[in-house]
Amino acid sequence: MKAKCIANSGEKLSKTALDGGYTTYTQFHLKIGDVYTIYGVNVWRQTINYLTLNETGSAPIWSPAGLFQIVDNRVPPNWYFVYLITDPLILNGVWGYKELTDHAHFDGLLGEDKAAVALFFERKKEIDKFNG
């Protein structure tokens, strides 16, 4: 799955995303016009977010889907899904490589845990190969 960045600031986000905690002043480390591979999808505070790698050598980050336009909607065949909880104010669901659906790995990525990030880069190679 790939998406083209069409915005990189909170000014372009939906009311739902802004109600979820972003502001119109939020700046995202994305380049408008660049195409990003999507390594995972989540629903957090009623907003769909994509897991991307924004710069070579950086840690992956989650950004609201409203900042992107899908250009390749193929999903890797080895993706998993987990539904987490019904409270709309927290993380509701995650799609992606198997370990991404594990809460410990997911949290590890957020905290840039070395083992979690290393595993992400292993799965990144597989996803990149699928995307060609």
C-alpha atoms as a PDB file:
ATOM      1  CA  MET A   1       0.000   0.000   0.000  1.00  0.00           C
ATOM      2  CA  LYS A   2       1.331   3.421  -0.944  1.00  0.00           C
ATOM      3  CA  ALA A   3       0.045   6.944  -0.450  1.00  0.00           C
ATOM      4  CA  LYS A   4       1.003  10.368  -1.748  1.00  0.00           C
ATOM      5  CA  CYS A   5       1.356  13.146   0.818  1.00  0.00           C
ATOM      6  CA  ILE A   6      -1.116  15.933   0.055  1.00  0.00           C
ATOM      7  CA  ALA A   7      -0.688  17.957   3.266  1.00  0.00           C
ATOM      8  CA  ASN A   8       1.689  18.141   6.215  1.00  0.00           C
ATOM      9  CA  SER A   9      -0.022  20.392   8.723  1.00  0.00           C
ATOM     10  CA  GLY A  10      -2.959  20.199  11.079  1.00  0.00           C
ATOM     11  CA  GLU A  11      -4.750  22.900   9.104  1.00  0.00           C
ATOM     12  CA  LYS A  12      -5.818  20.198   6.622  1.00  0.00           C
ATOM     13  CA  LEU A  13      -7.101  17.669   9.168  1.00  0.00           C
ATOM     14  CA  SER A  14     -10.709  16.695   9.721  1.00  0.00           C
ATOM     15  CA  LYS A  15     -12.688  17.871  12.731  1.00  0.00           C
ATOM     16  CA  THR A  16     -12.510  14.309  14.088  1.00  0.00           C
ATOM     17  CA  ALA A  17      -8.698  14.325  13.952  1.00  0.00           C
ATOM     18  CA  LEU A  18      -8.574  17.746  15.586  1.00  0.00           C
ATOM     19  CA  ASP A  19     -11.009  16.610  18.296  1.00  0.00           C
ATOM     20  CA  GLY A  20      -8.721  13.593  18.845  1.00  0.00           C
ATOM     21  CA  GLY A  21      -5.795  15.700  19.941  1.00  0.00           C
ATOM     22  CA  TYR A  22      -4.116  17.234  16.913  1.00  0.00           C
ATOM     23  CA  THR A  23      -4.258  21.001  16.436  1.00  0.00           C
ATOM     24  CA  THR A  24      -4.310  23.209  13.362  1.00  0.00           C
ATOM     25  CA  TYR A  25      -0.716  24.111  14.292  1.00  0.00           C
ATOM     26  CA  THR A  26       0.535  20.492  14.278  1.00  0.00           C
ATOM     27  CA  GLN A  27       3.325  20.003  11.733  1.00  0.00           C
ATOM     28  CA  PHE A  28       4.078  16.543  10.363  1.00  0.00           C
ATOM     29  CA  HIS A  29       7.498  15.505   9.078  1.00  0.00           C
ATOM     30  CA  LEU A  30       6.170  14.678   5.616  1.00  0.00           C
ATOM     31  CA  LYS A  31       7.001  16.103   2.190  1.00  0.00           C
ATOM     32  CA  ILE A  32       4.015  17.130   0.098  1.00  0.00           C
ATOM     33  CA  GLY A  33       4.098  15.238  -3.193  1.00  0.00           C
ATOM     34  CA  ASP A  34       6.253  12.365  -1.905  1.00  0.00           C
ATOM     35  CA  VAL A  35       4.859   8.832  -2.046  1.00  0.00           C
ATOM     36  CA  TYR A  36       5.146   6.818   1.172  1.00  0.00           C
ATOM     37  CA  THR A  37       4.840   3.091   1.731  1.00  0.00           C
ATOM     38  CA  ILE A  38       2.241   2.292   4.381  1.00  0.00           C
ATOM     39  CA  TYR A  39       3.643  -0.226   6.897  1.00  0.00           C
ATOM     40  CA  GLY A  40       0.565  -0.339   9.126  1.00  0.00           C
ATOM     41  CA  VAL A  41      -2.821   1.235   9.755  1.00  0.00           C
ATOM     42  CA  ASN A  42      -4.497   2.078  13.043  1.00  0.00           C
ATOM     43  CA  VAL A  43      -7.605   3.743  14.351  1.00  0.00           C
ATOM     44  CA  TRP A  44      -6.772   6.050  17.257  1.00  0.00           C
ATOM     45  CA  ARG A  45      -9.337   8.439  18.717  1.00  0.00           C
ATOM     46  CA  GLN A  46     -11.628   7.802  15.744  1.00  0.00           C
ATOM     47  CA  THR A  47      -8.942   8.794  13.222  1.00  0.00           C
ATOM     48  CA  ILE A  48      -7.271   6.435  10.751  1.00  0.00           C
ATOM     49  CA  ASN A  49      -3.481   6.741  10.815  1.00  0.00           C
ATOM     50  CA  TYR A  50      -0.753   5.330   8.575  1.00  0.00           C
ATOM     51  CA  LEU A  51       2.630   4.033   9.721  1.00  0.00           C
ATOM     52  CA  THR A  52       5.312   5.473   7.446  1.00  0.00           C
ATOM     53  CA  LEU A  53       9.034   5.905   7.373  1.00  0.00           C
ATOM     54  CA  ASN A  54       9.612   9.557   6.621  1.00  0.00           C
ATOM     55  CA  GLU A  55      13.380   9.710   6.350  1.00  0.00           C
ATOM     56  CA  THR A  56      15.965   7.013   5.711  1.00  0.00           C
ATOM     57  CA  GLY A  57      17.354   5.839   9.029  1.00  0.00           C
ATOM     58  CA  SER A  58      14.591   7.397  11.106  1.00  0.00           C
ATOM     59  CA  ALA A  59      12.064   5.594  13.273  1.00  0.00           C
ATOM     60  CA  PRO A  60       8.609   4.935  11.803  1.00  0.00           C
ATOM     61  CA  ILE A  61       5.811   7.331  12.741  1.00  0.00           C
ATOM     62  CA  TRP A  62       2.016   7.392  12.650  1.00  0.00           C
ATOM     63  CA  SER A  63       0.335  10.185  10.691  1.00  0.00           C
ATOM     64  CA  PRO A  64      -3.367  10.835  10.015  1.00  0.00           C
ATOM     65  CA  ALA A  65      -4.660   9.312   6.782  1.00  0.00           C
ATOM     66  CA  GLY A  66      -6.204  12.654   5.849  1.00  0.00           C
ATOM     67  CA  LEU A  67      -2.719  13.890   4.952  1.00  0.00           C
ATOM     68  CA  PHE A  68      -2.478  11.329   2.156  1.00  0.00           C
ATOM     69  CA  GLN A  69      -4.107  10.122  -1.033  1.00  0.00           C
ATOM     70  CA  ILE A  70      -3.835   6.383  -1.699  1.00  0.00           C
ATOM     71  CA  VAL A  71      -1.997   5.643  -4.954  1.00  0.00           C
ATOM     72  CA  ASP A  72      -1.629   1.853  -4.556  1.00  0.00           C
ATOM     73  CA  ASN A  73      -4.301   0.099  -2.496  1.00  0.00           C
ATOM     74  CA  ARG A  74      -2.753  -3.385  -2.499  1.00  0.00           C
ATOM     75  CA  VAL A  75      -2.381  -4.749   1.045  1.00  0.00           C
ATOM     76  CA  PRO A  76       0.389  -7.278   1.754  1.00  0.00           C
ATOM     77  CA  PRO A  77      -1.037 -10.808   2.056  1.00  0.00           C
ATOM     78  CA  ASN A  78       0.616 -11.406   5.435  1.00  0.00           C
ATOM     79  CA  TRP A  79      -1.082  -8.521   7.256  1.00  0.00           C
ATOM     80  CA  TYR A  80      -3.073  -9.119  10.431  1.00  0.00           C
ATOM     81  CA  PHE A  81      -5.787  -7.202  12.262  1.00  0.00           C
ATOM     82  CA  VAL A  82      -6.580  -6.809  15.936  1.00  0.00           C
ATOM     83  CA  TYR A  83      -9.600  -5.076  17.445  1.00  0.00           C
ATOM     84  CA  LEU A  84      -8.539  -3.712  20.790  1.00  0.00           C
ATOM     85  CA  ILE A  85     -11.333  -1.976  22.679  1.00  0.00           C
ATOM     86  CA  THR A  86     -14.538  -0.061  22.121  1.00  0.00           C
ATOM     87  CA  ASP A  87     -13.563   3.182  23.896  1.00  0.00           C
ATOM     88  CA  PRO A  88     -13.318   5.784  21.105  1.00  0.00           C
ATOM     89  CA  LEU A  89     -10.737   7.817  23.000  1.00  0.00           C
ATOM     90  CA  ILE A  90      -7.988   5.233  22.691  1.00  0.00           C
ATOM     91  CA  LEU A  91      -6.488   2.861  20.146  1.00  0.00           C
ATOM     92  CA  ASN A  92      -9.270   0.799  18.593  1.00  0.00           C
ATOM     93  CA  GLY A  93      -7.665  -1.339  15.921  1.00  0.00           C
ATOM     94  CA  VAL A  94      -4.402  -2.103  14.157  1.00  0.00           C
ATOM     95  CA  TRP A  95      -3.670  -3.668  10.761  1.00  0.00           C
ATOM     96  CA  GLY A  96      -0.182  -4.606   9.659  1.00  0.00           C
ATOM     97  CA  TYR A  97       2.568  -7.160   9.956  1.00  0.00           C
ATOM     98  CA  LYS A  98       1.895  -9.743  12.656  1.00  0.00           C
ATOM     99  CA  GLU A  99       3.967  -8.192  15.444  1.00  0.00           C
ATOM    100  CA  LEU A 100       2.411  -4.773  14.917  1.00  0.00           C
ATOM    101  CA  THR A 101      -0.847  -6.200  16.255  1.00  0.00           C
ATOM    102  CA  ASP A 102       0.904  -7.080  19.527  1.00  0.00           C
ATOM    103  CA  HIS A 103       0.455  -4.309  22.086  1.00  0.00           C
ATOM    104  CA  ALA A 104       4.029  -4.582  23.408  1.00  0.00           C
ATOM    105  CA  HIS A 105       5.573  -4.196  19.947  1.00  0.00           C
ATOM    106  CA  PHE A 106       3.174  -1.386  19.034  1.00  0.00           C
ATOM    107  CA  ASP A 107       4.085   0.521  22.211  1.00  0.00           C
ATOM    108  CA  GLY A 108       7.758  -0.250  21.624  1.00  0.00           C
ATOM    109  CA  LEU A 109       7.623   1.479  18.251  1.00  0.00           C
ATOM    110  CA  LEU A 110       6.043   4.545  19.821  1.00  0.00           C
ATOM    111  CA  GLY A 111       8.850   4.666  22.366  1.00  0.00           C
ATOM    112  CA  GLU A 112      11.485   3.911  19.727  1.00  0.00           C
ATOM    113  CA  ASP A 113      12.529   0.748  21.589  1.00  0.00           C
ATOM    114  CA  LYS A 114      15.619  -0.611  19.791  1.00  0.00           C
ATOM    115  CA  ALA A 115      14.278  -4.175  19.489  1.00  0.00           C
ATOM    116  CA  ALA A 116      10.886  -2.992  18.203  1.00  0.00           C
ATOM    117  CA  VAL A 117      12.474  -0.662  15.657  1.00  0.00           C
ATOM    118  CA  ALA A 118      14.876  -3.405  14.506  1.00  0.00           C
ATOM    119  CA  LEU A 119      11.942  -5.770  13.991  1.00  0.00           C
ATOM    120  CA  PHE A 120      10.078  -3.042  12.085  1.00  0.00           C
ATOM    121  CA  PHE A 121      13.018  -2.772   9.667  1.00  0.00           C
ATOM    122  CA  GLU A 122      12.959  -6.542   9.116  1.00  0.00           C
ATOM    123  CA  ARG A 123       9.246  -6.397   8.250  1.00  0.00           C
ATOM    124  CA  LYS A 124       9.838  -3.269   6.164  1.00  0.00           C
ATOM    125  CA  LYS A 125      12.055  -5.284   3.809  1.00  0.00           C
ATOM    126  CA  GLU A 126       9.268  -7.830   3.308  1.00  0.00           C
ATOM    127  CA  ILE A 127       6.640  -5.161   2.684  1.00  0.00           C
ATOM    128  CA  ASP A 128       8.930  -3.265   0.306  1.00  0.00           C
ATOM    129  CA  LYS A 129       9.534  -6.472  -1.639  1.00  0.00           C
ATOM    130  CA  PHE A 130       5.765  -6.996  -1.969  1.00  0.00           C
ATOM    131  CA  ASN A 131       5.309  -3.422  -3.203  1.00  0.00           C
ATOM    132  CA  GLY A 132       8.025  -3.890  -5.813  1.00  0.00           C
END
